[in-house]
Amino acid sequence: MERDGLYIRIGKDGKIARTLVSHREKKKFKNTTVQEELILFSELNFDCYVEFLQGFGEIGNELLKDLENKTEVNMKMYMLFYNMAYNLCDVLEEENPIQGTLTRAMLDDNIPIDDGTDDFYDETIKIIFQIINDVYGCHCCLHSYMYKISEGIPVDIEKDYPEFTNLTVSTVFTYNGKGFVAEYFFRSISDYYLFIIQRFISLKCKFLYCECCGKYFIPTSGNNKLYCSRVIKDGKTCKELAPHYKRIAEAKKRPGC
């Protein structure tokens, strides 16, 4: 029986084959590239992690204070805090199954077994805080790196992003009907995207920042380095509409407009 998590294979063409096993289903995704996966990452919703910390952080901190003062644990408040962490995973799984499932797996792998002691509650609350903070911190770090790369800003990986340099990845062997195939296995959303960024760096990939829609894109042949080919309005792309928007903006700056 396959364990919940993300299984990936790197094809001879460099594309990434992804299979997600979760408590809901087993799902194969369309093959993607390192650049495409990083761009998708940049568009994911990480605000919900911040909202959790802001909305339920006070509850968690109050529980930790009670534990420190040897006050009896308020189980109603504890269960609210604990359940909201997993509700966060439910919401994420609806929007992006990989993000939600791997966040859930991080909680499952790190929250200890309930032994009924105060130490269990103390450790569980701190672990939930740490995981949510770490995932959001990874998101901010990768965004910072992507911005610098898109702007052509020199980056010293060891100095600027030391967290990119250390990563342990599990390898599993699965039977495909003909033989056994080696696959990388992830149960952490942070580890998965660190793996992707390491491949991006190794392959010396590139992407740019669209000055129209504000999203990253993969540059193609030609002189266009400002706008992407995403369709944004009436079937037209940023590349087609950007000059029009630029003329409107310039017209508004003129005296009397």
Protein backbone atom coordinates (compact mmCIF):
# COMPACT_ATOMS: atom_id res chain seq x y z
CA MET A 1 0.00 0.00 0.00
CA GLU A 2 1.41 3.37 -1.03
CA ARG A 3 2.05 5.92 1.67
CA ASP A 4 0.41 9.34 1.37
CA GLY A 5 2.72 11.86 -0.24
CA LEU A 6 4.06 13.13 -3.56
CA TYR A 7 5.94 10.75 -5.89
CA ILE A 8 7.92 12.31 -8.72
CA ARG A 9 10.06 11.08 -11.58
CA ILE A 10 12.35 13.12 -13.82
CA GLY A 11 11.98 12.05 -17.45
CA LYS A 12 14.72 11.94 -20.07
CA ASP A 13 13.26 15.16 -21.49
CA GLY A 14 13.73 16.82 -18.08
CA LYS A 15 10.01 17.00 -17.38
CA ILE A 16 8.61 16.12 -13.96
CA ALA A 17 5.98 13.40 -13.61
CA ARG A 18 3.97 13.82 -10.39
CA THR A 19 1.64 11.40 -8.60
CA LEU A 20 -0.07 12.47 -5.39
CA VAL A 21 -1.41 9.89 -2.94
CA SER A 22 -3.70 11.35 -0.28
CA HIS A 23 -6.49 10.31 2.09
CA ARG A 24 -8.86 11.47 -0.67
CA GLU A 25 -7.47 9.91 -3.83
CA LYS A 26 -4.51 8.97 -5.96
CA LYS A 27 -4.01 11.56 -8.66
CA LYS A 28 -1.57 11.91 -11.55
CA PHE A 29 -0.81 15.41 -12.74
CA LYS A 30 0.20 16.62 -16.17
CA ASN A 31 3.96 16.54 -16.65
CA THR A 32 5.61 19.86 -15.95
CA THR A 33 8.98 21.59 -16.02
CA VAL A 34 11.04 23.12 -13.23
CA GLN A 35 10.23 26.65 -14.43
CA GLU A 36 6.50 25.93 -14.73
CA GLU A 37 6.39 24.42 -11.25
CA LEU A 38 8.16 27.40 -9.71
CA ILE A 39 5.83 29.83 -11.49
CA LEU A 40 2.84 27.85 -10.20
CA PHE A 41 4.35 28.04 -6.72
CA SER A 42 4.62 31.82 -6.97
CA GLU A 43 0.88 31.99 -7.67
CA LEU A 44 -0.20 29.76 -4.79
CA ASN A 45 -2.17 31.24 -1.89
CA PHE A 46 0.01 31.42 1.22
CA ASP A 47 -2.07 34.13 2.89
CA CYS A 48 -4.05 31.43 4.68
CA TYR A 49 -0.95 30.47 6.68
CA VAL A 50 -0.64 34.05 7.89
CA GLU A 51 -4.37 34.20 8.60
CA PHE A 52 -4.05 31.07 10.73
CA LEU A 53 -1.18 32.55 12.74
CA GLN A 54 -3.02 35.84 13.17
CA GLY A 55 -6.43 34.32 13.88
CA PHE A 56 -5.42 31.42 16.12
CA GLY A 57 -1.93 32.42 17.23
CA GLU A 58 -3.35 34.18 20.28
CA ILE A 59 -5.20 31.01 21.30
CA GLY A 60 -2.04 28.95 20.94
CA ASN A 61 0.01 31.42 22.96
CA GLU A 62 -2.59 31.51 25.74
CA LEU A 63 -2.53 27.72 25.91
CA LEU A 64 1.28 27.74 26.14
CA LYS A 65 1.11 30.27 28.98
CA ASP A 66 -1.34 28.04 30.87
CA LEU A 67 0.96 25.06 30.42
CA GLU A 68 3.95 27.07 31.60
CA ASN A 69 2.00 28.13 34.70
CA LYS A 70 0.91 24.53 35.31
CA THR A 71 -2.72 25.54 34.78
CA GLU A 72 -5.13 22.84 33.57
CA VAL A 73 -5.35 22.74 29.76
CA ASN A 74 -8.50 24.27 28.32
CA MET A 75 -9.41 21.31 26.09
CA LYS A 76 -12.09 23.24 24.19
CA MET A 77 -9.56 25.88 23.15
CA TYR A 78 -6.88 23.29 22.46
CA MET A 79 -9.14 21.27 20.16
CA LEU A 80 -10.17 24.46 18.35
CA PHE A 81 -6.51 25.32 17.72
CA TYR A 82 -5.63 21.74 16.70
CA ASN A 83 -8.66 21.29 14.42
CA MET A 84 -8.13 24.65 12.69
CA ALA A 85 -4.61 23.54 11.70
CA TYR A 86 -6.11 20.53 9.91
CA ASN A 87 -8.99 22.60 8.55
CA LEU A 88 -6.32 24.75 6.92
CA CYS A 89 -5.09 21.60 5.13
CA ASP A 90 -8.66 20.81 4.00
CA VAL A 91 -9.01 24.27 2.45
CA LEU A 92 -5.62 24.03 0.75
CA GLU A 93 -6.40 20.57 -0.65
CA GLU A 94 -9.45 22.00 -2.41
CA GLU A 95 -7.38 24.78 -4.05
CA ASN A 96 -4.12 22.91 -4.61
CA PRO A 97 -4.01 19.20 -3.64
CA ILE A 98 -0.21 19.00 -3.50
CA GLN A 99 0.11 22.00 -1.19
CA GLY A 100 -2.65 20.80 1.14
CA THR A 101 -1.62 17.13 1.29
CA LEU A 102 2.05 17.87 1.96
CA THR A 103 1.19 20.42 4.66
CA ARG A 104 -1.04 17.78 6.29
CA ALA A 105 1.77 15.22 6.04
CA MET A 106 4.16 17.60 7.82
CA LEU A 107 1.69 17.85 10.71
CA ASP A 108 1.11 14.08 10.81
CA ASP A 109 4.83 13.29 10.79
CA ASN A 110 5.79 15.73 13.53
CA ILE A 111 2.90 15.85 16.02
CA PRO A 112 3.67 13.28 18.75
CA ILE A 113 1.38 10.53 20.02
CA ASP A 114 -0.98 11.70 22.73
CA ASP A 115 0.26 10.31 26.04
CA GLY A 116 -2.10 12.46 28.13
CA THR A 117 0.64 14.58 29.64
CA ASP A 118 1.03 18.35 29.57
CA ASP A 119 4.25 17.85 27.60
CA PHE A 120 2.20 16.44 24.72
CA TYR A 121 0.00 19.54 24.48
CA ASP A 122 2.95 21.87 24.85
CA GLU A 123 4.96 20.10 22.13
CA THR A 124 1.99 19.79 19.76
CA ILE A 125 1.14 23.50 19.91
CA LYS A 126 4.78 24.48 19.33
CA ILE A 127 5.11 22.04 16.42
CA ILE A 128 1.99 23.41 14.71
CA PHE A 129 3.34 26.95 15.09
CA GLN A 130 6.75 25.89 13.76
CA ILE A 131 5.39 24.06 10.70
CA ILE A 132 3.08 26.90 9.65
CA ASN A 133 5.87 29.43 10.18
CA ASP A 134 8.43 27.28 8.31
CA VAL A 135 6.15 26.80 5.29
CA TYR A 136 5.41 30.49 5.05
CA GLY A 137 9.11 31.31 5.58
CA CYS A 138 10.04 28.96 2.72
CA HIS A 139 7.47 30.70 0.52
CA CYS A 140 8.95 34.15 1.30
CA CYS A 141 12.51 32.92 0.74
CA LEU A 142 11.70 31.39 -2.66
CA HIS A 143 9.79 34.51 -3.70
CA SER A 144 12.82 36.63 -2.81
CA TYR A 145 15.09 34.41 -4.91
CA MET A 146 12.68 34.37 -7.86
CA TYR A 147 12.43 38.15 -7.83
CA LYS A 148 16.21 38.57 -7.89
CA ILE A 149 16.60 36.06 -10.73
CA SER A 150 13.88 37.72 -12.82
CA GLU A 151 15.52 41.13 -12.30
CA GLY A 152 19.01 39.86 -13.11
CA ILE A 153 20.29 40.62 -9.59
CA PRO A 154 23.44 38.59 -8.77
CA VAL A 155 22.83 35.90 -6.14
CA ASP A 156 25.35 34.13 -3.90
CA ILE A 157 23.47 30.96 -2.96
CA GLU A 158 25.67 29.97 0.00
CA LYS A 159 25.61 33.47 1.45
CA ASP A 160 22.12 34.71 0.55
CA TYR A 161 20.12 31.46 0.68
CA PRO A 162 21.99 28.86 2.79
CA GLU A 163 18.69 26.99 3.33
CA PHE A 164 18.82 25.99 -0.35
CA THR A 165 22.04 24.03 0.10
CA ASN A 166 20.91 21.25 2.47
CA LEU A 167 18.11 18.86 1.64
CA THR A 168 17.59 15.15 2.29
CA VAL A 169 15.25 13.47 -0.19
CA SER A 170 13.75 9.98 0.11
CA THR A 171 13.81 7.60 -2.84
CA VAL A 172 11.27 4.81 -3.23
CA PHE A 173 10.94 2.02 -5.78
CA THR A 174 7.51 1.39 -7.26
CA TYR A 175 6.38 -1.38 -9.60
CA ASN A 176 4.88 -0.14 -12.90
CA GLY A 177 3.82 -3.52 -14.28
CA LYS A 178 7.09 -4.09 -16.10
CA GLY A 179 9.68 -3.45 -13.46
CA PHE A 180 10.66 -1.21 -10.58
CA VAL A 181 11.05 2.51 -11.07
CA ALA A 182 12.90 4.86 -8.72
CA GLU A 183 10.91 7.88 -7.62
CA TYR A 184 11.57 10.80 -5.29
CA PHE A 185 9.14 10.87 -2.39
CA PHE A 186 7.99 13.94 -0.44
CA ARG A 187 5.87 14.48 2.65
CA SER A 188 6.81 18.14 3.10
CA ILE A 189 5.74 21.05 0.91
CA SER A 190 8.89 22.96 1.90
CA ASP A 191 11.18 20.08 0.94
CA TYR A 192 9.44 19.63 -2.40
CA TYR A 193 9.90 23.24 -3.46
CA LEU A 194 13.48 23.32 -2.16
CA PHE A 195 14.09 20.29 -4.40
CA ILE A 196 12.56 22.18 -7.35
CA ILE A 197 14.65 25.29 -6.69
CA GLN A 198 17.82 23.18 -6.47
CA ARG A 199 17.08 21.71 -9.90
CA PHE A 200 16.31 25.20 -11.21
CA ILE A 201 19.72 26.42 -10.03
CA SER A 202 21.53 23.35 -11.36
CA LEU A 203 19.91 23.64 -14.79
CA LYS A 204 20.56 27.42 -14.94
CA CYS A 205 16.93 28.04 -15.88
CA LYS A 206 15.43 31.50 -16.39
CA PHE A 207 12.14 33.30 -16.08
CA LEU A 208 11.01 36.92 -16.23
CA TYR A 209 8.46 39.15 -14.50
CA CYS A 210 5.54 40.36 -16.64
CA GLU A 211 5.11 44.12 -16.34
CA CYS A 212 1.45 43.82 -17.29
CA CYS A 213 -0.10 41.11 -15.08
CA GLY A 214 2.67 40.98 -12.48
CA LYS A 215 3.29 37.25 -12.84
CA TYR A 216 6.42 35.32 -13.80
CA PHE A 217 6.78 33.75 -17.23
CA ILE A 218 9.22 31.63 -19.21
CA PRO A 219 11.02 33.68 -21.87
CA THR A 220 10.82 32.37 -25.42
CA SER A 221 12.77 33.27 -28.53
CA GLY A 222 12.38 36.86 -29.65
CA ASN A 223 12.93 40.27 -28.17
CA ASN A 224 9.96 40.34 -25.80
CA LYS A 225 11.24 40.49 -22.24
CA LEU A 226 8.49 42.60 -20.71
CA TYR A 227 5.17 40.83 -21.21
CA CYS A 228 3.89 37.25 -21.06
CA SER A 229 1.42 35.37 -23.26
CA ARG A 230 -1.27 34.81 -20.62
CA VAL A 231 -4.80 35.59 -21.78
CA ILE A 232 -6.11 38.29 -19.43
CA LYS A 233 -9.06 39.98 -21.15
CA ASP A 234 -11.36 39.34 -24.12
CA GLY A 235 -9.15 36.54 -25.40
CA LYS A 236 -6.12 38.82 -25.62
CA THR A 237 -2.74 38.37 -23.95
CA CYS A 238 -0.57 40.67 -21.86
CA LYS A 239 1.73 40.99 -24.85
CA GLU A 240 -1.17 42.27 -26.98
CA LEU A 241 -2.84 44.50 -24.39
CA ALA A 242 0.17 45.98 -22.60
CA PRO A 243 0.91 48.66 -25.25
CA HIS A 244 -2.75 49.76 -25.10
CA TYR A 245 -2.69 49.97 -21.29
CA LYS A 246 0.60 51.84 -21.45
CA ARG A 247 -0.88 54.47 -23.81
CA ILE A 248 -3.85 54.96 -21.48
CA ALA A 249 -1.57 55.40 -18.47
CA GLU A 250 0.61 57.91 -20.32
CA ALA A 251 -2.49 59.84 -21.49
CA LYS A 252 -3.75 60.17 -17.92
CA LYS A 253 -0.47 61.81 -16.93
CA ARG A 254 -0.90 64.59 -19.47
CA PRO A 255 -2.12 67.99 -18.24
CA GLY A 256 -5.89 68.37 -18.52
CA CYS A 257 -6.62 64.65 -18.47
